[in-house]
């Protein structure tokens, strides 16, 4: 796929994997449209790469509609917006945290995909890339809210593979393991010390590692569909099996 003159849309683009992906796609030659609630951060990145920054709250249907209307064309959609909140057992589950995770990870992906599929189809060479997680492949204690949401998001995405068969749209799921971003700070309600402990004693993936993988998938020849890419740090075998040094 030739990136020149192609527009790539990245959600959750203000930080972490989204920001790294926007920069990497820009470097690869795409015109990148960055969407997030913290649009001022997106604007800084857009200024670096010659992209476009727009406000976007994937949990708000009106915001998604306005975002869609502001983007005239797109060949790539990166559904990256998402996250986790809390780490409680089912018995102590906080319904508001579960609701936020489902709204952001599942319905957010649904809203953006529905909105942009006509543009991807019209491009003649579209691509839906959804960032899920290894949490979409397994389960772990105290994580039912997040793993449940990621399983649902992944099923939404994987269903597209059959529904779009024969159309000029590729479908790729990116399922990362541990990535050191703001993810854990969000999960632990801004507790930076608690978040830092998640990565102690091992070398996690970086946002750039995931971004490189996304760009690789997006720049394969048009007839090549990388259905699913799972990437983890060498120090992680599964959601619960990790090797910590020291």
Protein backbone atom coordinates (compact mmCIF):
# COMPACT_ATOMS: atom_id res chain seq x y z
CA UNK A 1 0.00 0.00 0.00
CA UNK A 2 1.32 3.44 -0.93
CA UNK A 3 0.83 5.80 1.99
CA UNK A 4 1.22 8.98 -0.05
CA UNK A 5 -2.03 10.99 -0.15
CA UNK A 6 -3.78 8.42 2.07
CA UNK A 7 -5.60 9.64 5.17
CA UNK A 8 -5.33 7.65 8.39
CA UNK A 9 -7.61 8.35 11.35
CA UNK A 10 -6.32 7.56 14.84
CA UNK A 11 -8.54 7.67 17.93
CA UNK A 12 -7.19 8.12 21.43
CA UNK A 13 -4.33 9.97 19.76
CA UNK A 14 -3.38 12.38 22.54
CA UNK A 15 -0.96 10.03 24.33
CA UNK A 16 0.48 6.53 24.54
CA UNK A 17 -0.09 4.13 21.66
CA UNK A 18 -2.33 6.58 19.82
CA UNK A 19 0.21 9.40 19.85
CA UNK A 20 3.04 7.06 18.82
CA UNK A 21 0.90 5.62 16.03
CA UNK A 22 0.01 9.06 14.70
CA UNK A 23 3.69 10.00 14.55
CA UNK A 24 4.68 6.69 12.93
CA UNK A 25 1.92 6.87 10.31
CA UNK A 26 2.89 10.46 9.56
CA UNK A 27 6.50 9.39 9.10
CA UNK A 28 5.29 6.63 6.76
CA UNK A 29 3.64 9.21 4.52
CA UNK A 30 0.02 9.23 5.64
CA UNK A 31 -1.95 12.36 6.35
CA UNK A 32 -3.05 11.66 9.91
CA UNK A 33 -6.25 12.86 11.55
CA UNK A 34 -5.83 12.70 15.32
CA UNK A 35 -8.89 12.48 17.54
CA UNK A 36 -9.12 12.65 21.34
CA UNK A 37 -10.74 14.61 24.15
CA UNK A 38 -7.43 16.32 24.92
CA UNK A 39 -7.33 17.97 21.52
CA UNK A 40 -4.58 20.39 22.55
CA UNK A 41 -2.19 17.45 22.89
CA UNK A 42 -3.30 16.16 19.50
CA UNK A 43 -2.65 19.58 18.01
CA UNK A 44 0.98 19.51 19.20
CA UNK A 45 1.50 16.18 17.43
CA UNK A 46 -0.40 17.32 14.35
CA UNK A 47 1.89 20.35 14.10
CA UNK A 48 4.92 18.00 14.18
CA UNK A 49 3.70 15.73 11.39
CA UNK A 50 1.53 18.00 9.27
CA UNK A 51 -1.64 16.28 10.40
CA UNK A 52 -5.07 17.40 11.54
CA UNK A 53 -6.27 17.48 15.16
CA UNK A 54 -9.96 17.26 16.01
CA UNK A 55 -11.86 16.87 19.29
CA UNK A 56 -13.31 13.39 19.82
CA UNK A 57 -15.04 11.65 22.69
CA UNK A 58 -15.81 8.11 21.54
CA UNK A 59 -18.37 7.70 24.33
CA UNK A 60 -20.47 10.57 22.93
CA UNK A 61 -22.46 9.85 19.77
CA UNK A 62 -22.74 13.56 18.92
CA UNK A 63 -18.97 13.99 19.22
CA UNK A 64 -18.39 11.01 16.93
CA UNK A 65 -20.87 12.42 14.43
CA UNK A 66 -19.16 15.81 14.39
CA UNK A 67 -15.74 14.16 14.05
CA UNK A 68 -16.93 12.03 11.14
CA UNK A 69 -18.43 15.04 9.36
CA UNK A 70 -15.14 16.94 9.71
CA UNK A 71 -13.11 14.21 7.95
CA UNK A 72 -13.91 14.14 4.22
CA UNK A 73 -12.09 10.91 3.38
CA UNK A 74 -10.14 8.10 5.02
CA UNK A 75 -8.30 4.95 3.98
CA UNK A 76 -7.22 3.73 7.42
CA UNK A 77 -9.08 3.79 10.73
CA UNK A 78 -7.11 2.95 13.88
CA UNK A 79 -9.54 2.20 16.70
CA UNK A 80 -7.18 2.85 19.58
CA UNK A 81 -9.29 4.70 22.17
CA UNK A 82 -9.95 2.54 25.21
CA UNK A 83 -8.69 1.68 28.64
CA UNK A 84 -9.26 -0.01 31.98
CA UNK A 85 -10.60 1.19 35.30
CA UNK A 86 -10.25 -0.68 38.56
CA UNK A 87 -8.95 -4.10 39.47
CA UNK A 88 -11.67 -5.52 41.68
CA UNK A 89 -13.18 -9.00 41.99
CA UNK A 90 -16.62 -9.50 40.51
CA UNK A 91 -18.20 -9.44 43.97
CA UNK A 92 -16.95 -5.88 44.51
CA UNK A 93 -17.38 -4.69 40.92
CA UNK A 94 -18.06 -1.00 40.41
CA UNK A 95 -20.80 -0.70 37.78
CA UNK A 96 -19.73 2.78 36.78
CA UNK A 97 -16.21 1.54 36.00
CA UNK A 98 -17.64 -1.35 33.97
CA UNK A 99 -19.96 1.03 32.13
CA UNK A 100 -17.04 3.34 31.24
CA UNK A 101 -14.97 0.40 29.95
CA UNK A 102 -17.79 -0.87 27.77
CA UNK A 103 -18.66 2.60 26.48
CA UNK A 104 -15.03 3.37 25.62
CA UNK A 105 -13.71 0.05 24.35
CA UNK A 106 -16.80 -1.52 22.80
CA UNK A 107 -19.34 1.13 21.87
CA UNK A 108 -16.59 3.60 21.00
CA UNK A 109 -15.15 1.13 18.50
CA UNK A 110 -18.64 0.43 17.17
CA UNK A 111 -19.44 4.13 16.69
CA UNK A 112 -16.21 4.96 14.86
CA UNK A 113 -16.30 1.85 12.69
CA UNK A 114 -19.90 2.45 11.63
CA UNK A 115 -19.15 6.09 10.89
CA UNK A 116 -16.04 5.47 8.79
CA UNK A 117 -16.83 2.28 6.90
CA UNK A 118 -18.44 4.20 3.99
CA UNK A 119 -15.29 6.35 3.64
CA UNK A 120 -12.98 3.33 3.87
CA UNK A 121 -15.05 1.58 1.21
CA UNK A 122 -15.03 4.65 -1.02
CA UNK A 123 -11.22 4.86 -0.78
CA UNK A 124 -10.99 1.62 -2.75
CA UNK A 125 -8.34 0.33 -0.33
CA UNK A 126 -9.58 0.70 3.23
CA UNK A 127 -8.27 -0.76 6.45
CA UNK A 128 -9.80 -1.10 9.92
CA UNK A 129 -7.13 -1.60 12.59
CA UNK A 130 -8.38 -2.17 16.11
CA UNK A 131 -6.12 -2.18 19.15
CA UNK A 132 -7.52 -4.74 21.57
CA UNK A 133 -5.27 -6.51 24.11
CA UNK A 134 -4.12 -9.93 25.19
CA UNK A 135 -7.00 -9.41 27.64
CA UNK A 136 -9.20 -10.23 24.64
CA UNK A 137 -7.62 -13.69 24.49
CA UNK A 138 -7.66 -14.74 28.14
CA UNK A 139 -8.99 -13.85 31.59
CA UNK A 140 -7.44 -13.07 34.95
CA UNK A 141 -8.65 -12.64 38.51
CA UNK A 142 -10.04 -9.19 39.34
CA UNK A 143 -10.07 -8.21 35.69
CA UNK A 144 -13.51 -9.27 34.50
CA UNK A 145 -14.61 -5.74 33.65
CA UNK A 146 -11.66 -5.10 31.37
CA UNK A 147 -11.27 -8.59 29.91
CA UNK A 148 -15.03 -8.70 29.28
CA UNK A 149 -14.95 -5.38 27.45
CA UNK A 150 -11.89 -6.37 25.42
CA UNK A 151 -13.43 -9.73 24.49
CA UNK A 152 -16.54 -7.89 23.26
CA UNK A 153 -14.47 -5.35 21.35
CA UNK A 154 -12.48 -8.15 19.72
CA UNK A 155 -15.64 -10.05 18.73
CA UNK A 156 -17.03 -6.89 17.15
CA UNK A 157 -13.82 -6.45 15.19
CA UNK A 158 -13.34 -10.10 14.19
CA UNK A 159 -16.93 -10.29 12.94
CA UNK A 160 -16.06 -7.61 10.39
CA UNK A 161 -13.61 -9.99 8.72
CA UNK A 162 -16.45 -12.09 7.34
CA UNK A 163 -18.96 -9.30 6.88
CA UNK A 164 -16.54 -7.32 4.70
CA UNK A 165 -15.24 -10.29 2.72
CA UNK A 166 -15.05 -9.38 -0.96
CA UNK A 167 -14.95 -5.65 -0.26
CA UNK A 168 -11.84 -3.45 -0.59
CA UNK A 169 -11.35 -3.21 3.17
CA UNK A 170 -8.78 -5.05 5.26
CA UNK A 171 -9.30 -5.85 8.94
CA UNK A 172 -6.45 -6.19 11.46
CA UNK A 173 -6.54 -6.73 15.21
CA UNK A 174 -3.51 -5.66 17.25
CA UNK A 175 -3.42 -7.37 20.66
CA UNK A 176 -0.59 -6.03 22.84
CA UNK A 177 0.55 -7.34 26.17
CA UNK A 178 2.09 -5.04 28.78
CA UNK A 179 2.82 -1.57 27.36
CA UNK A 180 4.15 1.18 29.60
CA UNK A 181 1.87 4.16 28.92
CA UNK A 182 -0.73 6.04 30.96
CA UNK A 183 -2.84 2.85 30.92
CA UNK A 184 -2.11 1.80 34.51
CA UNK A 185 -2.44 5.34 35.84
CA UNK A 186 -5.95 5.48 34.38
CA UNK A 187 -6.74 2.03 35.79
CA UNK A 188 -5.60 3.11 39.27
CA UNK A 189 -7.30 6.50 39.16
CA UNK A 190 -4.12 8.53 38.78
CA UNK A 191 -2.03 6.70 41.39
CA UNK A 192 1.37 6.95 39.66
CA UNK A 193 3.20 4.97 42.34
CA UNK A 194 0.80 2.05 42.13
CA UNK A 195 0.93 2.19 38.33
CA UNK A 196 4.75 2.12 38.30
CA UNK A 197 4.80 -1.10 40.32
CA UNK A 198 3.04 -2.90 37.48
CA UNK A 199 6.21 -2.65 35.38
CA UNK A 200 8.86 -3.11 38.05
CA UNK A 201 11.42 -5.84 37.42
CA UNK A 202 10.61 -6.37 33.76
CA UNK A 203 10.93 -4.61 30.43
CA UNK A 204 7.48 -3.85 29.00
CA UNK A 205 6.65 -2.90 25.45
CA UNK A 206 6.71 0.78 24.55
CA UNK A 207 4.07 2.71 22.67
CA UNK A 208 6.53 2.92 19.77
CA UNK A 209 6.78 -0.88 19.65
CA UNK A 210 3.03 -1.13 19.10
CA UNK A 211 2.99 1.78 16.66
CA UNK A 212 5.68 0.10 14.54
CA UNK A 213 3.50 -3.01 14.36
CA UNK A 214 0.44 -1.00 13.35
CA UNK A 215 2.34 0.76 10.58
CA UNK A 216 3.73 -2.58 9.37
CA UNK A 217 0.19 -3.94 9.03
CA UNK A 218 -1.06 -0.79 7.34
CA UNK A 219 1.70 -0.78 4.74
CA UNK A 220 1.49 -4.37 3.51
CA UNK A 221 0.37 -4.87 -0.11
CA UNK A 222 -3.37 -4.45 -0.52
CA UNK A 223 -4.00 -8.18 -1.01
CA UNK A 224 -2.30 -9.04 2.32
CA UNK A 225 -4.59 -9.05 5.37
CA UNK A 226 -2.85 -9.56 8.71
CA UNK A 227 -5.87 -10.79 10.64
CA UNK A 228 -4.40 -10.67 14.14
CA UNK A 229 -1.05 -9.68 15.60
CA UNK A 230 -0.27 -10.55 19.23
CA UNK A 231 2.81 -8.90 20.71
CA UNK A 232 4.17 -9.16 24.24
CA UNK A 233 7.35 -8.29 26.05
CA UNK A 234 9.86 -11.13 26.24
CA UNK A 235 9.25 -11.04 30.01
CA UNK A 236 5.54 -11.86 29.63
CA UNK A 237 4.05 -15.20 28.58
CA UNK A 238 0.38 -14.47 29.33
CA UNK A 239 -1.85 -12.06 31.19
CA UNK A 240 -0.68 -13.47 34.51
CA UNK A 241 2.70 -15.13 33.78
CA UNK A 242 5.57 -12.66 33.91
CA UNK A 243 9.26 -12.86 34.67
CA UNK A 244 10.43 -10.20 37.09
CA UNK A 245 14.07 -9.65 37.85
CA UNK A 246 15.36 -8.72 41.29
